[in-house]
Amino acid sequence: MSSTEELVFNAALALPEQSRAQLADMLWASLPEEQLDLFVMDEVRQAWVAEARRRMRDVASGKVALLPGDEVMGRLRSRLQE
Protein backbone atom coordinates (compact mmCIF):
# COMPACT_ATOMS: atom_id res chain seq x y z
CA MET A 1 0.00 0.00 0.00
CA SER A 2 1.38 3.39 -0.94
CA SER A 3 1.76 6.12 1.66
CA THR A 4 -1.16 8.04 0.09
CA GLU A 5 -3.38 4.96 0.25
CA GLU A 6 -2.34 4.39 3.84
CA LEU A 7 -3.18 8.00 4.76
CA VAL A 8 -6.61 7.72 3.13
CA PHE A 9 -7.23 4.38 4.80
CA ASN A 10 -6.29 5.68 8.24
CA ALA A 11 -8.46 8.77 7.74
CA ALA A 12 -11.36 6.53 6.72
CA LEU A 13 -10.91 4.41 9.84
CA ALA A 14 -11.33 7.55 11.95
CA LEU A 15 -14.82 8.14 10.50
CA PRO A 16 -17.94 7.02 12.33
CA GLU A 17 -19.17 3.54 11.44
CA GLN A 18 -22.05 4.71 9.22
CA SER A 19 -19.78 7.09 7.31
CA ARG A 20 -17.28 4.27 6.73
CA ALA A 21 -20.08 2.07 5.42
CA GLN A 22 -21.27 4.80 3.05
CA LEU A 23 -17.70 5.39 1.86
CA ALA A 24 -17.23 1.66 1.28
CA ASP A 25 -20.45 1.56 -0.77
CA MET A 26 -19.35 4.56 -2.83
CA LEU A 27 -15.91 3.06 -3.48
CA TRP A 28 -17.43 -0.32 -4.41
CA ALA A 29 -19.87 1.39 -6.82
CA SER A 30 -16.99 3.28 -8.44
CA LEU A 31 -15.29 0.08 -9.65
CA PRO A 32 -15.88 -1.12 -13.22
CA GLU A 33 -18.17 -4.14 -13.46
CA GLU A 34 -15.38 -6.33 -14.88
CA GLN A 35 -13.29 -5.67 -11.76
CA LEU A 36 -16.23 -6.49 -9.50
CA ASP A 37 -16.82 -9.74 -11.36
CA LEU A 38 -13.17 -10.75 -10.88
CA PHE A 39 -13.31 -9.82 -7.19
CA VAL A 40 -16.53 -11.74 -6.59
CA MET A 41 -15.25 -14.77 -8.51
CA ASP A 42 -12.04 -14.74 -6.47
CA GLU A 43 -14.06 -14.52 -3.25
CA VAL A 44 -16.27 -17.40 -4.37
CA ARG A 45 -13.23 -19.48 -5.32
CA GLN A 46 -11.60 -18.80 -1.97
CA ALA A 47 -14.81 -19.75 -0.15
CA TRP A 48 -15.04 -23.04 -2.05
CA VAL A 49 -11.38 -23.85 -1.35
CA ALA A 50 -11.96 -23.19 2.36
CA GLU A 51 -15.08 -25.38 2.30
CA ALA A 52 -13.26 -28.20 0.52
CA ARG A 53 -10.44 -28.07 3.07
CA ARG A 54 -12.94 -28.13 5.94
CA ARG A 55 -14.68 -31.15 4.44
CA MET A 56 -11.36 -32.94 3.90
CA ARG A 57 -10.45 -32.34 7.56
CA ASP A 58 -13.84 -33.67 8.66
CA VAL A 59 -13.33 -36.86 6.64
CA ALA A 60 -9.71 -37.31 7.77
CA SER A 61 -10.66 -36.86 11.44
CA GLY A 62 -13.54 -39.30 11.21
CA LYS A 63 -16.10 -36.60 12.00
CA VAL A 64 -18.00 -37.56 8.85
CA ALA A 65 -18.05 -40.77 6.85
CA LEU A 66 -18.05 -41.04 3.10
CA LEU A 67 -20.86 -42.94 1.40
CA PRO A 68 -20.67 -44.76 -1.92
CA GLY A 69 -22.19 -42.76 -4.77
CA ASP A 70 -24.69 -45.52 -5.62
CA GLU A 71 -26.04 -45.45 -2.07
CA VAL A 72 -26.43 -41.66 -2.11
CA MET A 73 -28.20 -41.73 -5.47
CA GLY A 74 -30.49 -44.52 -4.25
CA ARG A 75 -31.47 -42.48 -1.21
CA LEU A 76 -32.16 -39.43 -3.37
CA ARG A 77 -34.32 -41.42 -5.78
CA SER A 78 -36.31 -42.83 -2.85
CA ARG A 79 -36.92 -39.37 -1.44
CA LEU A 80 -38.00 -38.00 -4.80
CA GLN A 81 -40.50 -40.85 -5.25
CA GLU A 82 -42.19 -40.20 -1.87
C-alpha atoms as a PDB file:
ATOM      1  CA  MET A   1       0.000   0.000   0.000  1.00  0.00           C
ATOM      2  CA  SER A   2       1.384   3.387  -0.937  1.00  0.00           C
ATOM      3  CA  SER A   3       1.755   6.117   1.658  1.00  0.00           C
ATOM      4  CA  THR A   4      -1.162   8.037   0.089  1.00  0.00           C
ATOM      5  CA  GLU A   5      -3.385   4.963   0.249  1.00  0.00           C
ATOM      6  CA  GLU A   6      -2.340   4.392   3.835  1.00  0.00           C
ATOM      7  CA  LEU A   7      -3.181   7.998   4.765  1.00  0.00           C
ATOM      8  CA  VAL A   8      -6.607   7.725   3.132  1.00  0.00           C
ATOM      9  CA  PHE A   9      -7.226   4.380   4.798  1.00  0.00           C
ATOM     10  CA  ASN A  10      -6.293   5.677   8.241  1.00  0.00           C
ATOM     11  CA  ALA A  11      -8.457   8.767   7.740  1.00  0.00           C
ATOM     12  CA  ALA A  12     -11.362   6.532   6.715  1.00  0.00           C
ATOM     13  CA  LEU A  13     -10.911   4.410   9.837  1.00  0.00           C
ATOM     14  CA  ALA A  14     -11.327   7.549  11.946  1.00  0.00           C
ATOM     15  CA  LEU A  15     -14.816   8.139  10.496  1.00  0.00           C
ATOM     16  CA  PRO A  16     -17.943   7.018  12.333  1.00  0.00           C
ATOM     17  CA  GLU A  17     -19.175   3.541  11.435  1.00  0.00           C
ATOM     18  CA  GLN A  18     -22.054   4.715   9.220  1.00  0.00           C
ATOM     19  CA  SER A  19     -19.777   7.095   7.314  1.00  0.00           C
ATOM     20  CA  ARG A  20     -17.281   4.274   6.731  1.00  0.00           C
ATOM     21  CA  ALA A  21     -20.082   2.068   5.423  1.00  0.00           C
ATOM     22  CA  GLN A  22     -21.269   4.801   3.047  1.00  0.00           C
ATOM     23  CA  LEU A  23     -17.702   5.391   1.859  1.00  0.00           C
ATOM     24  CA  ALA A  24     -17.225   1.660   1.283  1.00  0.00           C
ATOM     25  CA  ASP A  25     -20.446   1.563  -0.772  1.00  0.00           C
ATOM     26  CA  MET A  26     -19.347   4.557  -2.832  1.00  0.00           C
ATOM     27  CA  LEU A  27     -15.914   3.056  -3.481  1.00  0.00           C
ATOM     28  CA  TRP A  28     -17.429  -0.317  -4.410  1.00  0.00           C
ATOM     29  CA  ALA A  29     -19.868   1.386  -6.818  1.00  0.00           C
ATOM     30  CA  SER A  30     -16.994   3.276  -8.435  1.00  0.00           C
ATOM     31  CA  LEU A  31     -15.290   0.083  -9.649  1.00  0.00           C
ATOM     32  CA  PRO A  32     -15.884  -1.124 -13.218  1.00  0.00           C
ATOM     33  CA  GLU A  33     -18.173  -4.142 -13.462  1.00  0.00           C
ATOM     34  CA  GLU A  34     -15.383  -6.327 -14.880  1.00  0.00           C
ATOM     35  CA  GLN A  35     -13.294  -5.665 -11.761  1.00  0.00           C
ATOM     36  CA  LEU A  36     -16.225  -6.489  -9.500  1.00  0.00           C
ATOM     37  CA  ASP A  37     -16.818  -9.745 -11.363  1.00  0.00           C
ATOM     38  CA  LEU A  38     -13.175 -10.745 -10.875  1.00  0.00           C
ATOM     39  CA  PHE A  39     -13.310  -9.820  -7.187  1.00  0.00           C
ATOM     40  CA  VAL A  40     -16.531 -11.743  -6.594  1.00  0.00           C
ATOM     41  CA  MET A  41     -15.253 -14.771  -8.511  1.00  0.00           C
ATOM     42  CA  ASP A  42     -12.042 -14.743  -6.469  1.00  0.00           C
ATOM     43  CA  GLU A  43     -14.058 -14.518  -3.252  1.00  0.00           C
ATOM     44  CA  VAL A  44     -16.269 -17.402  -4.369  1.00  0.00           C
ATOM     45  CA  ARG A  45     -13.227 -19.477  -5.320  1.00  0.00           C
ATOM     46  CA  GLN A  46     -11.602 -18.800  -1.966  1.00  0.00           C
ATOM     47  CA  ALA A  47     -14.807 -19.748  -0.146  1.00  0.00           C
ATOM     48  CA  TRP A  48     -15.039 -23.044  -2.053  1.00  0.00           C
ATOM     49  CA  VAL A  49     -11.383 -23.848  -1.346  1.00  0.00           C
ATOM     50  CA  ALA A  50     -11.963 -23.186   2.363  1.00  0.00           C
ATOM     51  CA  GLU A  51     -15.085 -25.378   2.304  1.00  0.00           C
ATOM     52  CA  ALA A  52     -13.257 -28.200   0.520  1.00  0.00           C
ATOM     53  CA  ARG A  53     -10.437 -28.067   3.066  1.00  0.00           C
ATOM     54  CA  ARG A  54     -12.938 -28.128   5.942  1.00  0.00           C
ATOM     55  CA  ARG A  55     -14.677 -31.152   4.437  1.00  0.00           C
ATOM     56  CA  MET A  56     -11.356 -32.936   3.897  1.00  0.00           C
ATOM     57  CA  ARG A  57     -10.447 -32.338   7.563  1.00  0.00           C
ATOM     58  CA  ASP A  58     -13.842 -33.672   8.661  1.00  0.00           C
ATOM     59  CA  VAL A  59     -13.331 -36.861   6.637  1.00  0.00           C
ATOM     60  CA  ALA A  60      -9.715 -37.307   7.769  1.00  0.00           C
ATOM     61  CA  SER A  61     -10.663 -36.856  11.444  1.00  0.00           C
ATOM     62  CA  GLY A  62     -13.545 -39.305  11.205  1.00  0.00           C
ATOM     63  CA  LYS A  63     -16.098 -36.598  12.001  1.00  0.00           C
ATOM     64  CA  VAL A  64     -18.001 -37.564   8.852  1.00  0.00           C
ATOM     65  CA  ALA A  65     -18.055 -40.768   6.855  1.00  0.00           C
ATOM     66  CA  LEU A  66     -18.048 -41.044   3.095  1.00  0.00           C
ATOM     67  CA  LEU A  67     -20.861 -42.941   1.397  1.00  0.00           C
ATOM     68  CA  PRO A  68     -20.673 -44.764  -1.920  1.00  0.00           C
ATOM     69  CA  GLY A  69     -22.193 -42.760  -4.773  1.00  0.00           C
ATOM     70  CA  ASP A  70     -24.685 -45.525  -5.620  1.00  0.00           C
ATOM     71  CA  GLU A  71     -26.037 -45.447  -2.071  1.00  0.00           C
ATOM     72  CA  VAL A  72     -26.425 -41.663  -2.113  1.00  0.00           C
ATOM     73  CA  MET A  73     -28.195 -41.730  -5.470  1.00  0.00           C
ATOM     74  CA  GLY A  74     -30.492 -44.518  -4.251  1.00  0.00           C
ATOM     75  CA  ARG A  75     -31.468 -42.477  -1.213  1.00  0.00           C
ATOM     76  CA  LEU A  76     -32.159 -39.429  -3.368  1.00  0.00           C
ATOM     77  CA  ARG A  77     -34.323 -41.421  -5.777  1.00  0.00           C
ATOM     78  CA  SER A  78     -36.307 -42.833  -2.847  1.00  0.00           C
ATOM     79  CA  ARG A  79     -36.924 -39.372  -1.439  1.00  0.00           C
ATOM     80  CA  LEU A  80     -38.000 -38.000  -4.796  1.00  0.00           C
ATOM     81  CA  GLN A  81     -40.497 -40.847  -5.251  1.00  0.00           C
ATOM     82  CA  GLU A  82     -42.186 -40.203  -1.874  1.00  0.00           C
END
